[in-house]
Structure formats: C-alpha cells, structure tokens
Amino acid sequence: MDWKLATLEAITSLTLITRQNTFSRQNLIDAKLSDIVAVVESAGATPAQTLSRVLQGLRDEGYVEFLGRGEYRLLSSTYTPVAVDVPTIETPGRIETTISRLVRDSAMVAALKRKYSYRCQLCDARLELPSGFYCEAHHIRPLGEPHNGPDTESNLIIVCPNHHVLFDYGAIRLSTEHLVTIAHRIDPLHIEYHNTEVYRGA
C-alpha cells in the first residue's frame, strides 16, 4: 500500500473514532503514524516529514482542506458509509448469469466532486458525514437505453441527493442560470435533452 492510500485510510479511521471531520497533523501522528508506517512499503528515515508531504498532496488533490495552524478537514475518504435504513438481507441462492453493465469513469467523477468541494451546484449544500463530505454526480442526459448519454464531464453536474432524485424523476428543468457554481463546461445539448426528453413538468 502506498503512502497516499494508507494516510487516507488512517485519516478516515481517526475521523470515525472522533466523529469529527477535522483533525490536526499532530493528532494524526500521535494516533496513526505507526499504523501508516506498518502498512507502507517504504517508510523512509523521517516518516513524520513524509506524512507532511502526503498531506500537502492530499490537500492539492482535494481530499483534505487545510484550515491553518496544522488543522485539516477531511473532504473525501476511502470509506463508503453504510446507510442505517438498509435492511440485512438473507444470503440468497445463487444462479449463474451473464450481465452487461455500463462502466463509468469514477476517477473523473471524483475529480469533479473535488473541484466543487462536494457542494451541490444548484443549492450549494454540502452534506457532512464522519468520513468526509458527500455529494452525487448526475448525468444530465442519462446513460444507457434509451437515452445513451455519454459518461463525460460535459454531461455531469454535481448535486445533493435531493436534487439528484428530482432530476432522475424529471421533476425539475435545468438551466445554467439555475446553477450557483459552474467550474466546468456543460454541453447545452445535454441540458436541452434533459428538458425535452426527461423533464415531465408543465
């Protein structure tokens, strides 16, 4: 495991234990540096200095936010929270099947979420979880049949779960004038498609 992934996992673990998204470099060193060193392939002579460089990289990539005075806030982690209302499902029998599924560009989506600091482009909401901030990416022209929208940045907007549901069910129109933030190119043809083929309002 490399330093970046090990540090993200350590930060996630620390924030889940403390139930806070904020942490200090010193807290991370005291609580988790030995764990990080135990799993990385090369710890080096000065692990604390290496950790500082890794934190800088995580900040530059949008995984953490620097608050000053050695304090950070976790924005996105490797941890996917489990929803508390999902029931436990009995293990079903198994049958062999062949399926075809769309392969989505998760790296592109993750980068776009970081670009917007995990804030909804429509309402500016940013949901805070113990493991970081949460938002969703919506394909303006839906993927798959019958819409066949592309999995490209120009066909995506970053939204909160509420707005995502409203878009998926065709409950609201889309216009760039409705967006509080635009930091990437959105293809107007996809917006037109949503408004004519997906939107079901008056």
N, C-alpha and C. Protein backbone atom coordinates (compact mmCIF):
# COMPACT_ATOMS: atom_id res chain seq x y z
N MET A 1 0.85 -1.19 0.00
CA MET A 1 0.00 0.00 0.00
C MET A 1 0.89 1.24 0.00
N ASP A 2 0.50 2.27 -0.76
CA ASP A 2 1.32 3.47 -0.81
C ASP A 2 0.94 4.45 0.29
N TRP A 3 1.75 5.49 0.43
CA TRP A 3 1.55 6.48 1.50
C TRP A 3 0.19 7.19 1.38
N LYS A 4 -0.19 7.53 0.15
CA LYS A 4 -1.44 8.27 -0.04
C LYS A 4 -2.64 7.47 0.47
N LEU A 5 -2.76 6.23 0.02
CA LEU A 5 -3.90 5.41 0.42
C LEU A 5 -3.85 5.10 1.92
N ALA A 6 -2.66 4.78 2.43
CA ALA A 6 -2.53 4.48 3.86
C ALA A 6 -2.89 5.68 4.71
N THR A 7 -2.50 6.88 4.27
CA THR A 7 -2.82 8.10 5.03
C THR A 7 -4.31 8.40 4.97
N LEU A 8 -4.93 8.23 3.79
CA LEU A 8 -6.38 8.43 3.68
C LEU A 8 -7.13 7.48 4.60
N GLU A 9 -6.71 6.22 4.62
CA GLU A 9 -7.38 5.25 5.48
C GLU A 9 -7.17 5.60 6.96
N ALA A 10 -5.98 6.08 7.30
CA ALA A 10 -5.72 6.47 8.69
C ALA A 10 -6.55 7.69 9.09
N ILE A 11 -6.65 8.66 8.19
CA ILE A 11 -7.47 9.85 8.48
C ILE A 11 -8.93 9.45 8.64
N THR A 12 -9.41 8.59 7.73
CA THR A 12 -10.79 8.11 7.82
C THR A 12 -11.04 7.43 9.15
N SER A 13 -10.14 6.56 9.54
CA SER A 13 -10.27 5.85 10.81
C SER A 13 -10.30 6.83 11.97
N LEU A 14 -9.41 7.82 11.95
CA LEU A 14 -9.35 8.81 13.03
C LEU A 14 -10.64 9.63 13.11
N THR A 15 -11.17 10.06 11.94
CA THR A 15 -12.39 10.86 11.96
C THR A 15 -13.61 10.05 12.39
N LEU A 16 -13.62 8.77 12.07
CA LEU A 16 -14.73 7.92 12.52
C LEU A 16 -14.66 7.70 14.03
N ILE A 17 -13.46 7.57 14.57
CA ILE A 17 -13.30 7.40 16.01
C ILE A 17 -13.72 8.67 16.75
N THR A 18 -13.25 9.82 16.26
CA THR A 18 -13.55 11.09 16.95
C THR A 18 -14.91 11.66 16.56
N ARG A 19 -15.49 11.13 15.45
CA ARG A 19 -16.77 11.61 14.92
C ARG A 19 -16.70 13.08 14.54
N GLN A 20 -15.55 13.50 14.06
CA GLN A 20 -15.33 14.86 13.57
C GLN A 20 -14.55 14.79 12.28
N ASN A 21 -14.87 15.68 11.34
CA ASN A 21 -14.13 15.73 10.08
C ASN A 21 -12.82 16.46 10.21
N THR A 22 -12.63 17.21 11.29
CA THR A 22 -11.39 17.96 11.46
C THR A 22 -10.39 17.15 12.27
N PHE A 23 -9.12 17.37 11.96
CA PHE A 23 -8.04 16.70 12.68
C PHE A 23 -6.79 17.55 12.54
N SER A 24 -5.84 17.34 13.40
CA SER A 24 -4.58 18.05 13.28
C SER A 24 -3.50 17.09 12.82
N ARG A 25 -2.46 17.65 12.25
CA ARG A 25 -1.32 16.84 11.84
C ARG A 25 -0.75 16.09 13.04
N GLN A 26 -0.69 16.77 14.19
CA GLN A 26 -0.12 16.14 15.37
C GLN A 26 -1.01 15.01 15.88
N ASN A 27 -2.34 15.21 15.83
CA ASN A 27 -3.26 14.13 16.21
C ASN A 27 -3.03 12.90 15.33
N LEU A 28 -2.87 13.16 14.04
CA LEU A 28 -2.68 12.06 13.09
C LEU A 28 -1.36 11.34 13.39
N ILE A 29 -0.32 12.09 13.68
CA ILE A 29 0.97 11.48 14.01
C ILE A 29 0.84 10.64 15.29
N ASP A 30 0.25 11.24 16.33
CA ASP A 30 0.14 10.55 17.61
C ASP A 30 -0.70 9.28 17.52
N ALA A 31 -1.82 9.37 16.79
CA ALA A 31 -2.78 8.25 16.79
C ALA A 31 -2.54 7.23 15.68
N LYS A 32 -1.97 7.67 14.55
CA LYS A 32 -2.00 6.78 13.39
C LYS A 32 -0.68 6.61 12.64
N LEU A 33 0.36 7.39 12.95
CA LEU A 33 1.58 7.29 12.16
C LEU A 33 2.17 5.89 12.21
N SER A 34 2.16 5.26 13.37
CA SER A 34 2.72 3.91 13.46
C SER A 34 1.93 2.92 12.60
N ASP A 35 0.59 3.12 12.52
CA ASP A 35 -0.23 2.26 11.66
C ASP A 35 0.12 2.47 10.19
N ILE A 36 0.32 3.74 9.80
CA ILE A 36 0.67 4.04 8.41
C ILE A 36 2.00 3.40 8.05
N VAL A 37 2.99 3.61 8.91
CA VAL A 37 4.33 3.07 8.67
C VAL A 37 4.29 1.54 8.57
N ALA A 38 3.41 0.91 9.34
CA ALA A 38 3.33 -0.56 9.34
C ALA A 38 2.83 -1.12 8.01
N VAL A 39 2.05 -0.33 7.25
CA VAL A 39 1.47 -0.87 6.02
C VAL A 39 2.11 -0.35 4.73
N VAL A 40 2.89 0.75 4.82
CA VAL A 40 3.50 1.26 3.59
C VAL A 40 4.75 0.45 3.26
N GLU A 41 5.06 0.42 1.97
CA GLU A 41 6.19 -0.39 1.53
C GLU A 41 7.52 0.22 1.91
N SER A 42 7.59 1.55 1.99
CA SER A 42 8.85 2.22 2.32
C SER A 42 8.54 3.38 3.25
N ALA A 43 8.90 3.24 4.51
CA ALA A 43 8.59 4.28 5.50
C ALA A 43 9.56 5.44 5.43
N GLY A 44 10.80 5.20 5.03
CA GLY A 44 11.79 6.25 4.98
C GLY A 44 12.35 6.57 6.36
N ALA A 45 13.34 7.45 6.39
CA ALA A 45 14.02 7.79 7.64
C ALA A 45 13.22 8.75 8.50
N THR A 46 12.39 9.56 7.87
CA THR A 46 11.62 10.57 8.62
C THR A 46 10.14 10.48 8.26
N PRO A 47 9.42 9.50 8.80
CA PRO A 47 8.01 9.30 8.45
C PRO A 47 7.13 10.54 8.71
N ALA A 48 7.42 11.30 9.76
CA ALA A 48 6.60 12.49 10.05
C ALA A 48 6.73 13.52 8.94
N GLN A 49 7.93 13.67 8.38
CA GLN A 49 8.11 14.61 7.26
C GLN A 49 7.43 14.08 6.00
N THR A 50 7.54 12.78 5.79
CA THR A 50 6.84 12.18 4.64
C THR A 50 5.34 12.40 4.76
N LEU A 51 4.82 12.23 5.98
CA LEU A 51 3.39 12.45 6.20
C LEU A 51 3.00 13.89 5.85
N SER A 52 3.84 14.85 6.21
CA SER A 52 3.56 16.25 5.88
C SER A 52 3.47 16.45 4.37
N ARG A 53 4.37 15.83 3.62
CA ARG A 53 4.33 15.94 2.15
C ARG A 53 3.06 15.27 1.59
N VAL A 54 2.69 14.14 2.17
CA VAL A 54 1.49 13.43 1.71
C VAL A 54 0.25 14.28 1.99
N LEU A 55 0.18 14.89 3.16
CA LEU A 55 -0.95 15.77 3.48
C LEU A 55 -1.04 16.93 2.50
N GLN A 56 0.11 17.49 2.13
CA GLN A 56 0.13 18.57 1.13
C GLN A 56 -0.45 18.07 -0.19
N GLY A 57 -0.05 16.86 -0.61
CA GLY A 57 -0.58 16.29 -1.84
C GLY A 57 -2.08 16.03 -1.76
N LEU A 58 -2.53 15.52 -0.62
CA LEU A 58 -3.97 15.27 -0.44
C LEU A 58 -4.75 16.58 -0.46
N ARG A 59 -4.14 17.63 0.07
CA ARG A 59 -4.78 18.95 0.02
C ARG A 59 -4.87 19.43 -1.42
N ASP A 60 -3.78 19.32 -2.17
CA ASP A 60 -3.76 19.77 -3.56
C ASP A 60 -4.75 19.00 -4.43
N GLU A 61 -4.99 17.73 -4.09
CA GLU A 61 -5.91 16.90 -4.87
C GLU A 61 -7.36 17.01 -4.38
N GLY A 62 -7.60 17.77 -3.32
CA GLY A 62 -8.96 18.00 -2.85
C GLY A 62 -9.51 16.96 -1.90
N TYR A 63 -8.66 16.11 -1.33
CA TYR A 63 -9.14 15.13 -0.37
C TYR A 63 -9.27 15.73 1.03
N VAL A 64 -8.39 16.68 1.35
CA VAL A 64 -8.46 17.37 2.64
C VAL A 64 -8.36 18.87 2.40
N GLU A 65 -8.84 19.62 3.36
CA GLU A 65 -8.82 21.07 3.31
C GLU A 65 -7.93 21.56 4.45
N PHE A 66 -6.99 22.44 4.16
CA PHE A 66 -6.11 22.98 5.20
C PHE A 66 -6.81 24.15 5.87
N LEU A 67 -6.94 24.10 7.18
CA LEU A 67 -7.64 25.15 7.93
C LEU A 67 -6.68 26.13 8.60
N GLY A 68 -5.38 25.81 8.60
CA GLY A 68 -4.39 26.66 9.26
C GLY A 68 -3.96 26.07 10.59
N ARG A 69 -2.77 26.46 11.04
CA ARG A 69 -2.22 26.03 12.32
C ARG A 69 -2.20 24.52 12.49
N GLY A 70 -1.86 23.82 11.42
CA GLY A 70 -1.76 22.37 11.48
C GLY A 70 -3.07 21.62 11.49
N GLU A 71 -4.19 22.34 11.28
CA GLU A 71 -5.52 21.73 11.30
C GLU A 71 -6.00 21.45 9.88
N TYR A 72 -6.68 20.32 9.72
CA TYR A 72 -7.22 19.90 8.42
C TYR A 72 -8.67 19.47 8.58
N ARG A 73 -9.37 19.46 7.45
CA ARG A 73 -10.72 18.90 7.41
C ARG A 73 -10.75 17.86 6.31
N LEU A 74 -11.25 16.66 6.62
CA LEU A 74 -11.40 15.61 5.62
C LEU A 74 -12.59 15.94 4.72
N LEU A 75 -12.34 15.98 3.40
CA LEU A 75 -13.41 16.25 2.45
C LEU A 75 -13.92 14.97 1.81
N SER A 76 -13.02 14.06 1.49
CA SER A 76 -13.41 12.81 0.85
C SER A 76 -12.45 11.73 1.28
N SER A 77 -12.98 10.56 1.53
CA SER A 77 -12.15 9.48 2.04
C SER A 77 -12.33 8.23 1.22
N THR A 78 -11.66 7.18 1.65
CA THR A 78 -11.81 5.88 1.01
C THR A 78 -12.99 5.12 1.59
N TYR A 79 -13.60 5.66 2.62
CA TYR A 79 -14.66 4.96 3.34
C TYR A 79 -16.02 5.28 2.73
N THR A 80 -16.82 4.26 2.45
CA THR A 80 -18.18 4.44 1.98
C THR A 80 -19.12 4.10 3.12
N PRO A 81 -19.86 5.09 3.64
CA PRO A 81 -20.72 4.81 4.78
C PRO A 81 -21.86 3.87 4.42
N VAL A 82 -22.31 3.11 5.40
CA VAL A 82 -23.44 2.21 5.23
C VAL A 82 -24.68 2.93 5.73
N ALA A 83 -25.72 2.98 4.92
CA ALA A 83 -26.96 3.62 5.33
C ALA A 83 -27.63 2.79 6.42
N VAL A 84 -28.11 3.46 7.47
CA VAL A 84 -28.67 2.75 8.60
C VAL A 84 -30.03 2.13 8.30
N ASP A 85 -30.71 2.59 7.24
CA ASP A 85 -32.04 2.06 6.96
C ASP A 85 -32.03 0.92 5.94
N VAL A 86 -30.84 0.45 5.55
CA VAL A 86 -30.77 -0.67 4.62
C VAL A 86 -30.88 -1.96 5.42
N PRO A 87 -31.90 -2.77 5.16
CA PRO A 87 -32.08 -3.99 5.96
C PRO A 87 -31.02 -5.04 5.66
N THR A 88 -30.79 -5.90 6.63
CA THR A 88 -29.91 -7.03 6.41
C THR A 88 -30.64 -8.02 5.51
N ILE A 89 -29.96 -8.46 4.49
CA ILE A 89 -30.60 -9.36 3.51
C ILE A 89 -30.04 -10.76 3.70
N GLU A 90 -30.94 -11.71 3.77
CA GLU A 90 -30.52 -13.11 3.87
C GLU A 90 -29.76 -13.47 2.60
N THR A 91 -28.76 -14.33 2.74
CA THR A 91 -28.00 -14.75 1.58
C THR A 91 -28.89 -15.60 0.68
N PRO A 92 -29.12 -15.14 -0.54
CA PRO A 92 -29.99 -15.91 -1.44
C PRO A 92 -29.22 -17.04 -2.11
N GLY A 93 -29.98 -17.90 -2.76
CA GLY A 93 -29.34 -18.93 -3.56
C GLY A 93 -28.62 -18.28 -4.74
N ARG A 94 -27.79 -19.02 -5.40
CA ARG A 94 -27.01 -18.47 -6.50
C ARG A 94 -27.37 -19.15 -7.81
N ILE A 95 -27.41 -18.33 -8.87
CA ILE A 95 -27.53 -18.86 -10.22
C ILE A 95 -26.49 -18.16 -11.07
N GLU A 96 -26.00 -18.81 -12.10
CA GLU A 96 -25.01 -18.21 -12.98
C GLU A 96 -25.71 -17.40 -14.04
N THR A 97 -25.27 -16.15 -14.22
CA THR A 97 -25.86 -15.28 -15.23
C THR A 97 -24.75 -14.51 -15.93
N THR A 98 -25.09 -13.95 -17.07
CA THR A 98 -24.20 -13.04 -17.77
C THR A 98 -24.91 -11.70 -17.83
N ILE A 99 -24.19 -10.64 -17.43
CA ILE A 99 -24.82 -9.32 -17.44
C ILE A 99 -23.98 -8.35 -18.25
N SER A 100 -24.63 -7.31 -18.69
CA SER A 100 -23.95 -6.21 -19.37
C SER A 100 -24.23 -4.96 -18.57
N ARG A 101 -23.16 -4.24 -18.17
CA ARG A 101 -23.39 -3.03 -17.40
C ARG A 101 -22.52 -1.91 -17.94
N LEU A 102 -22.95 -0.70 -17.67
CA LEU A 102 -22.19 0.46 -18.09
C LEU A 102 -20.99 0.63 -17.18
N VAL A 103 -19.86 0.92 -17.76
CA VAL A 103 -18.66 1.19 -16.98
C VAL A 103 -18.51 2.70 -16.90
N ARG A 104 -18.53 3.22 -15.68
CA ARG A 104 -18.46 4.67 -15.50
C ARG A 104 -17.06 5.08 -15.09
N ASP A 105 -16.72 6.31 -15.42
CA ASP A 105 -15.40 6.84 -15.11
C ASP A 105 -15.42 7.43 -13.70
N SER A 106 -15.12 6.59 -12.71
CA SER A 106 -15.21 7.05 -11.32
C SER A 106 -14.12 8.06 -10.98
N ALA A 107 -12.96 7.97 -11.62
CA ALA A 107 -11.89 8.94 -11.35
C ALA A 107 -12.31 10.33 -11.81
N MET A 108 -12.97 10.41 -12.97
CA MET A 108 -13.44 11.69 -13.49
C MET A 108 -14.48 12.29 -12.54
N VAL A 109 -15.40 11.45 -12.06
CA VAL A 109 -16.44 11.91 -11.14
C VAL A 109 -15.83 12.40 -9.84
N ALA A 110 -14.87 11.64 -9.31
CA ALA A 110 -14.22 12.03 -8.05
C ALA A 110 -13.51 13.37 -8.20
N ALA A 111 -12.83 13.57 -9.33
CA ALA A 111 -12.12 14.83 -9.56
C ALA A 111 -13.11 15.99 -9.66
N LEU A 112 -14.26 15.75 -10.30
CA LEU A 112 -15.26 16.81 -10.45
C LEU A 112 -15.88 17.16 -9.10
N LYS A 113 -16.12 16.16 -8.26
CA LYS A 113 -16.64 16.43 -6.92
C LYS A 113 -15.66 17.27 -6.13
N ARG A 114 -14.37 16.96 -6.24
CA ARG A 114 -13.36 17.76 -5.53
C ARG A 114 -13.32 19.18 -6.07
N LYS A 115 -13.50 19.33 -7.39
CA LYS A 115 -13.48 20.67 -7.99
C LYS A 115 -14.56 21.56 -7.37
N TYR A 116 -15.70 20.97 -7.04
CA TYR A 116 -16.80 21.73 -6.45
C TYR A 116 -16.81 21.65 -4.92
N SER A 117 -15.75 21.13 -4.33
CA SER A 117 -15.64 20.99 -2.87
C SER A 117 -16.85 20.28 -2.29
N TYR A 118 -17.40 19.33 -3.07
CA TYR A 118 -18.52 18.48 -2.62
C TYR A 118 -19.78 19.29 -2.36
N ARG A 119 -19.94 20.41 -3.07
CA ARG A 119 -21.14 21.26 -2.92
C ARG A 119 -22.06 21.08 -4.12
N CYS A 120 -23.36 21.07 -3.86
CA CYS A 120 -24.37 20.97 -4.90
C CYS A 120 -24.31 22.23 -5.77
N GLN A 121 -24.31 22.04 -7.08
CA GLN A 121 -24.26 23.17 -7.99
C GLN A 121 -25.58 23.94 -8.02
N LEU A 122 -26.66 23.36 -7.50
CA LEU A 122 -27.93 24.07 -7.50
C LEU A 122 -28.21 24.81 -6.20
N CYS A 123 -27.90 24.19 -5.07
CA CYS A 123 -28.26 24.82 -3.79
C CYS A 123 -27.06 25.09 -2.88
N ASP A 124 -25.86 24.68 -3.31
CA ASP A 124 -24.63 24.91 -2.57
C ASP A 124 -24.55 24.09 -1.28
N ALA A 125 -25.45 23.12 -1.10
CA ALA A 125 -25.42 22.28 0.10
C ALA A 125 -24.21 21.35 0.03
N ARG A 126 -23.64 21.06 1.20
CA ARG A 126 -22.54 20.11 1.30
C ARG A 126 -22.83 19.25 2.54
N LEU A 127 -23.13 17.98 2.33
CA LEU A 127 -23.50 17.10 3.43
C LEU A 127 -22.25 16.59 4.13
N GLU A 128 -22.22 16.74 5.45
CA GLU A 128 -21.06 16.34 6.22
C GLU A 128 -21.33 15.01 6.92
N LEU A 129 -20.47 14.03 6.66
CA LEU A 129 -20.51 12.73 7.30
C LEU A 129 -19.25 12.56 8.14
N PRO A 130 -19.22 11.61 9.04
CA PRO A 130 -17.99 11.41 9.81
C PRO A 130 -16.79 11.08 8.93
N SER A 131 -17.03 10.56 7.73
CA SER A 131 -15.94 10.16 6.84
C SER A 131 -15.60 11.20 5.79
N GLY A 132 -16.19 12.38 5.86
CA GLY A 132 -15.94 13.41 4.87
C GLY A 132 -17.24 14.00 4.37
N PHE A 133 -17.17 14.68 3.25
CA PHE A 133 -18.37 15.29 2.69
C PHE A 133 -18.95 14.42 1.58
N TYR A 134 -20.26 14.54 1.37
CA TYR A 134 -20.95 13.67 0.42
C TYR A 134 -21.74 14.51 -0.58
N CYS A 135 -21.64 14.13 -1.83
CA CYS A 135 -22.47 14.71 -2.89
C CYS A 135 -22.58 13.64 -3.97
N GLU A 136 -23.33 13.92 -5.00
CA GLU A 136 -23.53 12.95 -6.07
C GLU A 136 -23.30 13.61 -7.42
N ALA A 137 -22.98 12.79 -8.40
CA ALA A 137 -22.81 13.28 -9.77
C ALA A 137 -24.01 12.82 -10.59
N HIS A 138 -24.64 13.75 -11.28
CA HIS A 138 -25.82 13.44 -12.09
C HIS A 138 -25.49 13.55 -13.58
N HIS A 139 -25.82 12.50 -14.34
CA HIS A 139 -25.68 12.55 -15.79
C HIS A 139 -26.91 13.27 -16.35
N ILE A 140 -26.69 14.40 -16.95
CA ILE A 140 -27.78 15.24 -17.44
C ILE A 140 -28.59 14.49 -18.50
N ARG A 141 -27.91 13.97 -19.49
CA ARG A 141 -28.54 13.04 -20.44
C ARG A 141 -28.23 11.65 -19.90
N PRO A 142 -29.22 10.90 -19.44
CA PRO A 142 -28.96 9.63 -18.75
C PRO A 142 -28.15 8.64 -19.59
N LEU A 143 -27.37 7.83 -18.88
CA LEU A 143 -26.62 6.77 -19.53
C LEU A 143 -27.58 5.63 -19.90
N GLY A 144 -27.19 4.81 -20.81
CA GLY A 144 -27.97 3.62 -21.13
C GLY A 144 -29.19 3.90 -22.00
N GLU A 145 -29.85 2.79 -22.37
CA GLU A 145 -31.05 2.87 -23.23
C GLU A 145 -32.20 3.50 -22.47
N PRO A 146 -33.03 4.31 -23.08
CA PRO A 146 -32.99 4.70 -24.50
C PRO A 146 -32.22 6.01 -24.74
N HIS A 147 -31.64 6.57 -23.68
CA HIS A 147 -31.05 7.91 -23.78
C HIS A 147 -29.64 7.91 -24.35
N ASN A 148 -28.84 6.93 -23.94
CA ASN A 148 -27.47 6.78 -24.45
C ASN A 148 -26.60 8.02 -24.26
N GLY A 149 -26.71 8.63 -23.09
CA GLY A 149 -25.88 9.78 -22.79
C GLY A 149 -24.43 9.37 -22.56
N PRO A 150 -23.49 10.26 -22.83
CA PRO A 150 -22.08 9.92 -22.65
C PRO A 150 -21.64 10.08 -21.20
N ASP A 151 -20.65 9.29 -20.81
CA ASP A 151 -20.05 9.41 -19.48
C ASP A 151 -18.87 10.39 -19.60
N THR A 152 -19.22 11.66 -19.77
CA THR A 152 -18.22 12.71 -19.94
C THR A 152 -18.49 13.84 -18.95
N GLU A 153 -17.45 14.63 -18.67
CA GLU A 153 -17.59 15.74 -17.74
C GLU A 153 -18.65 16.74 -18.21
N SER A 154 -18.77 16.94 -19.53
CA SER A 154 -19.72 17.91 -20.06
C SER A 154 -21.17 17.45 -19.92
N ASN A 155 -21.37 16.19 -19.50
CA ASN A 155 -22.72 15.64 -19.28
C ASN A 155 -22.99 15.44 -17.79
N LEU A 156 -22.19 16.06 -16.93
CA LEU A 156 -22.32 15.87 -15.49
C LEU A 156 -22.53 17.18 -14.76
N ILE A 157 -23.31 17.10 -13.69
CA ILE A 157 -23.35 18.18 -12.70
C ILE A 157 -23.26 17.53 -11.33
N ILE A 158 -22.72 18.28 -10.38
CA ILE A 158 -22.58 17.81 -9.01
C ILE A 158 -23.77 18.31 -8.21
N VAL A 159 -24.45 17.39 -7.55
CA VAL A 159 -25.70 17.73 -6.87
C VAL A 159 -25.80 17.05 -5.51
N CYS A 160 -26.69 17.57 -4.68
CA CYS A 160 -27.04 16.92 -3.43
C CYS A 160 -28.02 15.78 -3.75
N PRO A 161 -28.24 14.85 -2.83
CA PRO A 161 -29.16 13.73 -3.11
C PRO A 161 -30.58 14.19 -3.46
N ASN A 162 -31.06 15.25 -2.82
CA ASN A 162 -32.41 15.73 -3.12
C ASN A 162 -32.55 16.17 -4.57
N HIS A 163 -31.61 16.98 -5.04
CA HIS A 163 -31.68 17.43 -6.42
C HIS A 163 -31.44 16.28 -7.40
N HIS A 164 -30.62 15.31 -6.99
CA HIS A 164 -30.38 14.16 -7.86
C HIS A 164 -31.69 13.40 -8.12
N VAL A 165 -32.45 13.17 -7.08
CA VAL A 165 -33.74 12.47 -7.23
C VAL A 165 -34.68 13.29 -8.11
N LEU A 166 -34.74 14.59 -7.90
CA LEU A 166 -35.62 15.45 -8.70
C LEU A 166 -35.24 15.39 -10.18
N PHE A 167 -33.94 15.38 -10.48
CA PHE A 167 -33.51 15.26 -11.88
C PHE A 167 -33.83 13.89 -12.44
N ASP A 168 -33.53 12.83 -11.68
CA ASP A 168 -33.76 11.47 -12.17
C ASP A 168 -35.22 11.21 -12.48
N TYR A 169 -36.13 11.82 -11.72
CA TYR A 169 -37.55 11.60 -11.94
C TYR A 169 -38.18 12.67 -12.83
N GLY A 170 -37.35 13.51 -13.43
CA GLY A 170 -37.86 14.52 -14.36
C GLY A 170 -38.72 15.56 -13.70
N ALA A 171 -38.47 15.84 -12.43
CA ALA A 171 -39.33 16.78 -11.69
C ALA A 171 -38.92 18.23 -11.85
N ILE A 172 -37.69 18.48 -12.30
CA ILE A 172 -37.24 19.87 -12.48
C ILE A 172 -36.51 20.03 -13.81
N ARG A 173 -36.62 21.24 -14.34
CA ARG A 173 -35.88 21.62 -15.54
C ARG A 173 -34.46 22.00 -15.14
N LEU A 174 -33.59 22.08 -16.11
CA LEU A 174 -32.22 22.50 -15.86
C LEU A 174 -31.86 23.66 -16.76
N SER A 175 -31.21 24.63 -16.17
CA SER A 175 -30.67 25.76 -16.91
C SER A 175 -29.39 26.18 -16.21
N THR A 176 -28.42 26.65 -16.99
CA THR A 176 -27.19 27.12 -16.34
C THR A 176 -27.47 28.31 -15.44
N GLU A 177 -28.57 29.00 -15.68
CA GLU A 177 -28.95 30.13 -14.81
C GLU A 177 -29.36 29.65 -13.42
N HIS A 178 -29.78 28.38 -13.30
CA HIS A 178 -30.16 27.82 -12.00
C HIS A 178 -28.95 27.42 -11.17
N LEU A 179 -27.79 27.29 -11.80
CA LEU A 179 -26.61 26.80 -11.10
C LEU A 179 -25.91 27.92 -10.34
N VAL A 180 -25.59 27.66 -9.07
CA VAL A 180 -24.90 28.68 -8.27
C VAL A 180 -23.41 28.69 -8.57
N THR A 181 -22.89 27.59 -9.11
CA THR A 181 -21.47 27.50 -9.44
C THR A 181 -21.31 26.72 -10.73
N ILE A 182 -20.47 27.23 -11.62
CA ILE A 182 -20.11 26.49 -12.83
C ILE A 182 -18.60 26.60 -12.98
N ALA A 183 -17.90 25.47 -12.79
CA ALA A 183 -16.45 25.45 -12.89
C ALA A 183 -15.97 24.50 -13.98
N HIS A 184 -16.89 23.97 -14.77
CA HIS A 184 -16.52 23.12 -15.89
C HIS A 184 -17.52 23.33 -17.02
N ARG A 185 -17.16 22.93 -18.23
CA ARG A 185 -18.04 23.12 -19.38
C ARG A 185 -19.17 22.08 -19.35
N ILE A 186 -20.39 22.57 -19.47
CA ILE A 186 -21.57 21.71 -19.54
C ILE A 186 -22.16 21.88 -20.94
N ASP A 187 -22.32 20.77 -21.65
CA ASP A 187 -22.81 20.83 -23.02
C ASP A 187 -24.28 21.24 -23.04
N PRO A 188 -24.61 22.35 -23.70
CA PRO A 188 -26.01 22.79 -23.74
C PRO A 188 -26.95 21.80 -24.42
N LEU A 189 -26.41 20.94 -25.30
CA LEU A 189 -27.25 19.92 -25.94
C LEU A 189 -27.77 18.90 -24.93
N HIS A 190 -26.95 18.60 -23.90
CA HIS A 190 -27.40 17.68 -22.86
C HIS A 190 -28.49 18.32 -22.00
N ILE A 191 -28.34 19.61 -21.74
CA ILE A 191 -29.37 20.33 -20.98
C ILE A 191 -30.67 20.34 -21.77
N GLU A 192 -30.58 20.62 -23.06
CA GLU A 192 -31.78 20.63 -23.92
C GLU A 192 -32.43 19.25 -23.94
N TYR A 193 -31.61 18.20 -24.00
CA TYR A 193 -32.14 16.84 -23.99
C TYR A 193 -32.90 16.57 -22.69
N HIS A 194 -32.28 16.94 -21.57
CA HIS A 194 -32.97 16.74 -20.28
C HIS A 194 -34.32 17.45 -20.28
N ASN A 195 -34.35 18.70 -20.72
CA ASN A 195 -35.57 19.50 -20.64
C ASN A 195 -36.66 19.03 -21.60
N THR A 196 -36.27 18.38 -22.70
CA THR A 196 -37.29 17.93 -23.66
C THR A 196 -37.64 16.44 -23.52
N GLU A 197 -36.68 15.62 -23.08
CA GLU A 197 -36.90 14.17 -23.05
C GLU A 197 -37.05 13.58 -21.64
N VAL A 198 -36.54 14.27 -20.64
CA VAL A 198 -36.57 13.73 -19.27
C VAL A 198 -37.55 14.49 -18.39
N TYR A 199 -37.49 15.80 -18.46
CA TYR A 199 -38.37 16.65 -17.64
C TYR A 199 -39.83 16.39 -17.96
N ARG A 200 -40.63 16.19 -16.89
CA ARG A 200 -42.04 15.85 -17.09
C ARG A 200 -42.99 16.91 -16.58
N GLY A 201 -42.48 18.09 -16.34
CA GLY A 201 -43.32 19.15 -15.80
C GLY A 201 -44.11 19.84 -16.90
N ALA A 202 -44.78 20.90 -16.48
CA ALA A 202 -45.61 21.64 -17.41
C ALA A 202 -44.76 22.51 -18.32
